[in-house]
Amino acid sequence: MATLSTHVLDTGAGRPATGVAVVLESPGGEALGEARTDADGRVGSLGGDLAPGDYRLRFDTGGWFSAAGVEAFYPEVAVSFTIATDEHFHVPLLLSRYGYSTYRGS
């Protein structure tokens, strides 16, 4: 079985995004795990052991920016990905108020 972690960095402020709500979903939208990023912007484990298949991470970026009193363009970031092997997967999110990017980390 595979495992999953994530990390959110606020590139506009140059620091970790603490307290971002993250949900791991199946392709049908079923919530498989929920967490908030820690003081380092990380969620060390989400969803437990994961079988091969398609998944989606939903980041509540709008709620996070709003709580900080910042107007942002994206109310949510959804990242879809495929797990095909039994290993650890890390999906970081680089975030600013008007843009984001993601990649498969290690």
N, C-alpha and C. Protein backbone atom coordinates (compact mmCIF):
# COMPACT_ATOMS: atom_id res chain seq x y z
N MET A 1 0.83 -1.19 0.00
CA MET A 1 0.00 0.00 0.00
C MET A 1 0.88 1.25 0.00
N ALA A 2 0.36 2.31 -0.58
CA ALA A 2 1.08 3.59 -0.67
C ALA A 2 0.67 4.49 0.50
N THR A 3 1.51 5.48 0.77
CA THR A 3 1.20 6.50 1.77
C THR A 3 1.32 7.88 1.12
N LEU A 4 0.74 8.88 1.78
CA LEU A 4 0.66 10.22 1.19
C LEU A 4 0.94 11.29 2.24
N SER A 5 1.69 12.30 1.83
CA SER A 5 1.89 13.50 2.65
C SER A 5 1.78 14.72 1.74
N THR A 6 1.66 15.90 2.36
CA THR A 6 1.59 17.14 1.59
C THR A 6 2.26 18.26 2.38
N HIS A 7 2.50 19.35 1.70
CA HIS A 7 3.20 20.50 2.28
C HIS A 7 2.69 21.73 1.53
N VAL A 8 2.33 22.78 2.25
CA VAL A 8 1.86 24.01 1.60
C VAL A 8 2.79 25.15 2.00
N LEU A 9 3.34 25.81 0.99
CA LEU A 9 4.21 26.97 1.22
C LEU A 9 3.55 28.21 0.63
N ASP A 10 3.47 29.27 1.42
CA ASP A 10 2.96 30.56 0.95
C ASP A 10 4.14 31.28 0.30
N THR A 11 4.24 31.19 -1.01
CA THR A 11 5.39 31.77 -1.71
C THR A 11 5.36 33.30 -1.69
N GLY A 12 4.17 33.88 -1.55
CA GLY A 12 4.08 35.34 -1.47
C GLY A 12 4.68 35.88 -0.18
N ALA A 13 4.51 35.13 0.90
CA ALA A 13 5.05 35.56 2.20
C ALA A 13 6.39 34.90 2.50
N GLY A 14 6.74 33.87 1.74
CA GLY A 14 8.01 33.19 1.95
C GLY A 14 8.05 32.36 3.21
N ARG A 15 6.90 31.73 3.55
CA ARG A 15 6.86 30.90 4.76
C ARG A 15 5.82 29.79 4.62
N PRO A 16 5.87 28.82 5.53
CA PRO A 16 4.87 27.74 5.49
C PRO A 16 3.46 28.29 5.69
N ALA A 17 2.50 27.65 5.08
CA ALA A 17 1.09 28.01 5.25
C ALA A 17 0.52 27.13 6.36
N THR A 18 0.44 27.69 7.55
CA THR A 18 -0.02 26.97 8.74
C THR A 18 -1.54 27.00 8.83
N GLY A 19 -2.15 25.84 9.06
CA GLY A 19 -3.59 25.78 9.30
C GLY A 19 -4.46 25.66 8.08
N VAL A 20 -3.91 25.30 6.93
CA VAL A 20 -4.72 25.10 5.72
C VAL A 20 -5.47 23.77 5.84
N ALA A 21 -6.78 23.79 5.65
CA ALA A 21 -7.58 22.57 5.67
C ALA A 21 -7.34 21.80 4.37
N VAL A 22 -7.09 20.50 4.51
CA VAL A 22 -6.81 19.62 3.36
C VAL A 22 -7.69 18.39 3.47
N VAL A 23 -8.30 18.00 2.35
CA VAL A 23 -9.13 16.80 2.31
C VAL A 23 -8.62 15.91 1.18
N LEU A 24 -8.44 14.63 1.47
CA LEU A 24 -8.12 13.63 0.45
C LEU A 24 -9.42 12.98 0.03
N GLU A 25 -9.66 12.92 -1.28
CA GLU A 25 -10.91 12.37 -1.80
C GLU A 25 -10.66 11.28 -2.83
N SER A 26 -11.64 10.39 -2.94
CA SER A 26 -11.68 9.44 -4.05
C SER A 26 -12.18 10.20 -5.27
N PRO A 27 -12.07 9.61 -6.47
CA PRO A 27 -12.57 10.31 -7.67
C PRO A 27 -14.06 10.66 -7.59
N GLY A 28 -14.82 9.89 -6.84
CA GLY A 28 -16.25 10.16 -6.69
C GLY A 28 -16.56 11.23 -5.66
N GLY A 29 -15.54 11.76 -4.98
CA GLY A 29 -15.73 12.83 -4.02
C GLY A 29 -15.86 12.37 -2.58
N GLU A 30 -15.69 11.07 -2.32
CA GLU A 30 -15.75 10.56 -0.94
C GLU A 30 -14.51 11.00 -0.17
N ALA A 31 -14.71 11.60 1.00
CA ALA A 31 -13.59 12.02 1.83
C ALA A 31 -12.91 10.80 2.44
N LEU A 32 -11.61 10.67 2.22
CA LEU A 32 -10.83 9.55 2.75
C LEU A 32 -9.95 9.97 3.92
N GLY A 33 -9.77 11.26 4.10
CA GLY A 33 -8.96 11.79 5.20
C GLY A 33 -9.00 13.30 5.18
N GLU A 34 -8.91 13.90 6.37
CA GLU A 34 -8.91 15.35 6.51
C GLU A 34 -7.86 15.75 7.52
N ALA A 35 -7.24 16.91 7.31
CA ALA A 35 -6.24 17.41 8.25
C ALA A 35 -6.05 18.90 8.01
N ARG A 36 -5.27 19.52 8.90
CA ARG A 36 -4.81 20.90 8.72
C ARG A 36 -3.29 20.88 8.74
N THR A 37 -2.70 21.76 7.93
CA THR A 37 -1.24 21.83 7.92
C THR A 37 -0.73 22.30 9.28
N ASP A 38 0.43 21.76 9.67
CA ASP A 38 1.03 22.11 10.96
C ASP A 38 1.84 23.40 10.85
N ALA A 39 2.60 23.72 11.88
CA ALA A 39 3.37 24.96 11.92
C ALA A 39 4.41 25.05 10.81
N ASP A 40 4.79 23.89 10.26
CA ASP A 40 5.74 23.86 9.15
C ASP A 40 5.03 23.74 7.81
N GLY A 41 3.69 23.87 7.81
CA GLY A 41 2.91 23.78 6.58
C GLY A 41 2.72 22.36 6.08
N ARG A 42 2.95 21.37 6.93
CA ARG A 42 2.93 19.97 6.50
C ARG A 42 1.77 19.17 7.08
N VAL A 43 1.38 18.17 6.32
CA VAL A 43 0.53 17.08 6.81
C VAL A 43 1.35 15.84 6.54
N GLY A 44 1.83 15.21 7.60
CA GLY A 44 2.76 14.09 7.46
C GLY A 44 2.15 12.82 6.94
N SER A 45 0.86 12.62 7.14
CA SER A 45 0.18 11.41 6.67
C SER A 45 -1.29 11.72 6.50
N LEU A 46 -1.83 11.30 5.38
CA LEU A 46 -3.24 11.57 5.09
C LEU A 46 -3.85 10.37 4.39
N GLY A 47 -4.92 9.83 4.93
CA GLY A 47 -5.63 8.74 4.28
C GLY A 47 -5.14 7.34 4.61
N GLY A 48 -4.11 7.22 5.41
CA GLY A 48 -3.61 5.88 5.77
C GLY A 48 -2.98 5.18 4.60
N ASP A 49 -3.14 3.85 4.55
CA ASP A 49 -2.62 3.06 3.43
C ASP A 49 -3.55 3.19 2.24
N LEU A 50 -2.98 3.54 1.09
CA LEU A 50 -3.78 3.82 -0.11
C LEU A 50 -3.51 2.78 -1.20
N ALA A 51 -4.56 2.26 -1.75
CA ALA A 51 -4.47 1.31 -2.86
C ALA A 51 -4.19 2.07 -4.15
N PRO A 52 -3.67 1.39 -5.17
CA PRO A 52 -3.50 2.05 -6.47
C PRO A 52 -4.84 2.63 -6.95
N GLY A 53 -4.76 3.79 -7.58
CA GLY A 53 -5.97 4.41 -8.10
C GLY A 53 -5.81 5.92 -8.20
N ASP A 54 -6.90 6.57 -8.55
CA ASP A 54 -6.93 8.02 -8.70
C ASP A 54 -7.44 8.66 -7.41
N TYR A 55 -6.85 9.80 -7.07
CA TYR A 55 -7.20 10.52 -5.85
C TYR A 55 -7.19 12.02 -6.14
N ARG A 56 -7.74 12.79 -5.18
CA ARG A 56 -7.75 14.24 -5.31
C ARG A 56 -7.49 14.84 -3.93
N LEU A 57 -6.60 15.82 -3.87
CA LEU A 57 -6.39 16.62 -2.68
C LEU A 57 -7.09 17.95 -2.88
N ARG A 58 -7.91 18.36 -1.91
CA ARG A 58 -8.58 19.67 -1.95
C ARG A 58 -8.02 20.53 -0.82
N PHE A 59 -7.51 21.68 -1.19
CA PHE A 59 -6.94 22.63 -0.23
C PHE A 59 -7.89 23.82 -0.11
N ASP A 60 -8.31 24.15 1.10
CA ASP A 60 -9.21 25.29 1.33
C ASP A 60 -8.38 26.57 1.39
N THR A 61 -7.91 26.99 0.25
CA THR A 61 -7.05 28.18 0.18
C THR A 61 -7.83 29.46 0.45
N GLY A 62 -9.08 29.50 0.00
CA GLY A 62 -9.90 30.69 0.24
C GLY A 62 -10.15 30.92 1.71
N GLY A 63 -10.47 29.86 2.44
CA GLY A 63 -10.69 29.98 3.88
C GLY A 63 -9.43 30.41 4.61
N TRP A 64 -8.30 29.87 4.17
CA TRP A 64 -7.02 30.20 4.81
C TRP A 64 -6.65 31.67 4.58
N PHE A 65 -6.74 32.12 3.33
CA PHE A 65 -6.44 33.52 3.05
C PHE A 65 -7.43 34.45 3.75
N SER A 66 -8.71 34.10 3.73
CA SER A 66 -9.74 34.92 4.36
C SER A 66 -9.48 35.09 5.86
N ALA A 67 -9.09 34.00 6.53
CA ALA A 67 -8.80 34.06 7.96
C ALA A 67 -7.63 35.01 8.26
N ALA A 68 -6.75 35.18 7.26
CA ALA A 68 -5.61 36.09 7.42
C ALA A 68 -5.95 37.51 6.96
N GLY A 69 -7.20 37.72 6.51
CA GLY A 69 -7.60 39.04 6.04
C GLY A 69 -7.05 39.39 4.68
N VAL A 70 -6.77 38.36 3.88
CA VAL A 70 -6.17 38.57 2.56
C VAL A 70 -7.17 38.14 1.48
N GLU A 71 -7.40 39.02 0.51
CA GLU A 71 -8.26 38.67 -0.63
C GLU A 71 -7.43 37.84 -1.60
N ALA A 72 -7.98 36.71 -2.04
CA ALA A 72 -7.26 35.83 -2.95
C ALA A 72 -8.17 35.42 -4.10
N PHE A 73 -7.58 35.01 -5.19
CA PHE A 73 -8.31 34.67 -6.41
C PHE A 73 -8.88 33.26 -6.39
N TYR A 74 -8.17 32.30 -5.82
CA TYR A 74 -8.59 30.90 -5.83
C TYR A 74 -9.20 30.50 -4.49
N PRO A 75 -10.50 30.20 -4.45
CA PRO A 75 -11.12 29.79 -3.19
C PRO A 75 -10.71 28.38 -2.78
N GLU A 76 -10.24 27.62 -3.75
CA GLU A 76 -9.87 26.23 -3.49
C GLU A 76 -8.86 25.79 -4.54
N VAL A 77 -7.96 24.91 -4.14
CA VAL A 77 -7.07 24.26 -5.10
C VAL A 77 -7.34 22.77 -5.00
N ALA A 78 -7.63 22.14 -6.13
CA ALA A 78 -7.85 20.69 -6.19
C ALA A 78 -6.76 20.09 -7.07
N VAL A 79 -6.05 19.11 -6.53
CA VAL A 79 -4.97 18.45 -7.24
C VAL A 79 -5.34 16.98 -7.41
N SER A 80 -5.52 16.56 -8.65
CA SER A 80 -5.82 15.16 -8.95
C SER A 80 -4.54 14.44 -9.34
N PHE A 81 -4.40 13.20 -8.89
CA PHE A 81 -3.19 12.43 -9.17
C PHE A 81 -3.50 10.94 -9.13
N THR A 82 -2.58 10.16 -9.65
CA THR A 82 -2.73 8.71 -9.71
C THR A 82 -1.63 8.04 -8.90
N ILE A 83 -2.03 7.10 -8.06
CA ILE A 83 -1.08 6.26 -7.34
C ILE A 83 -1.05 4.92 -8.06
N ALA A 84 0.14 4.52 -8.52
CA ALA A 84 0.26 3.27 -9.28
C ALA A 84 1.18 2.25 -8.61
N THR A 85 1.93 2.70 -7.62
CA THR A 85 2.89 1.80 -6.98
C THR A 85 2.79 1.91 -5.46
N ASP A 86 3.32 0.92 -4.77
CA ASP A 86 3.34 0.91 -3.31
C ASP A 86 4.59 1.63 -2.81
N GLU A 87 4.49 2.94 -2.63
CA GLU A 87 5.59 3.74 -2.11
C GLU A 87 5.00 4.99 -1.47
N HIS A 88 5.84 5.86 -0.99
CA HIS A 88 5.37 7.11 -0.39
C HIS A 88 5.23 8.17 -1.48
N PHE A 89 4.13 8.90 -1.45
CA PHE A 89 3.88 10.00 -2.38
C PHE A 89 3.77 11.29 -1.58
N HIS A 90 4.45 12.34 -2.07
CA HIS A 90 4.41 13.65 -1.43
C HIS A 90 3.95 14.65 -2.48
N VAL A 91 2.88 15.40 -2.17
CA VAL A 91 2.29 16.34 -3.12
C VAL A 91 2.33 17.74 -2.50
N PRO A 92 3.39 18.52 -2.77
CA PRO A 92 3.49 19.88 -2.25
C PRO A 92 2.64 20.86 -3.06
N LEU A 93 2.24 21.94 -2.39
CA LEU A 93 1.52 23.03 -3.04
C LEU A 93 2.26 24.32 -2.74
N LEU A 94 2.68 25.01 -3.80
CA LEU A 94 3.29 26.34 -3.69
C LEU A 94 2.18 27.34 -3.99
N LEU A 95 1.89 28.21 -3.04
CA LEU A 95 0.68 29.02 -3.08
C LEU A 95 0.98 30.51 -2.93
N SER A 96 0.26 31.32 -3.71
CA SER A 96 0.23 32.76 -3.50
C SER A 96 -1.22 33.19 -3.71
N ARG A 97 -1.52 34.45 -3.46
CA ARG A 97 -2.92 34.88 -3.57
C ARG A 97 -3.46 34.83 -5.00
N TYR A 98 -2.58 34.86 -6.00
CA TYR A 98 -3.04 34.85 -7.38
C TYR A 98 -2.50 33.71 -8.22
N GLY A 99 -1.92 32.71 -7.59
CA GLY A 99 -1.41 31.59 -8.35
C GLY A 99 -0.97 30.45 -7.46
N TYR A 100 -0.74 29.30 -8.09
CA TYR A 100 -0.25 28.14 -7.36
C TYR A 100 0.44 27.19 -8.33
N SER A 101 1.25 26.32 -7.79
CA SER A 101 1.84 25.23 -8.59
C SER A 101 2.03 24.04 -7.66
N THR A 102 2.17 22.89 -8.26
CA THR A 102 2.34 21.66 -7.52
C THR A 102 3.25 20.72 -8.30
N TYR A 103 3.74 19.71 -7.64
CA TYR A 103 4.61 18.73 -8.28
C TYR A 103 4.65 17.49 -7.43
N ARG A 104 5.19 16.42 -7.95
CA ARG A 104 5.38 15.21 -7.14
C ARG A 104 6.71 15.35 -6.42
N GLY A 105 6.64 15.46 -5.12
CA GLY A 105 7.84 15.57 -4.31
C GLY A 105 8.36 14.22 -3.87
N SER A 106 9.26 14.25 -2.92
CA SER A 106 9.83 12.99 -2.42
C SER A 106 9.71 12.90 -0.91
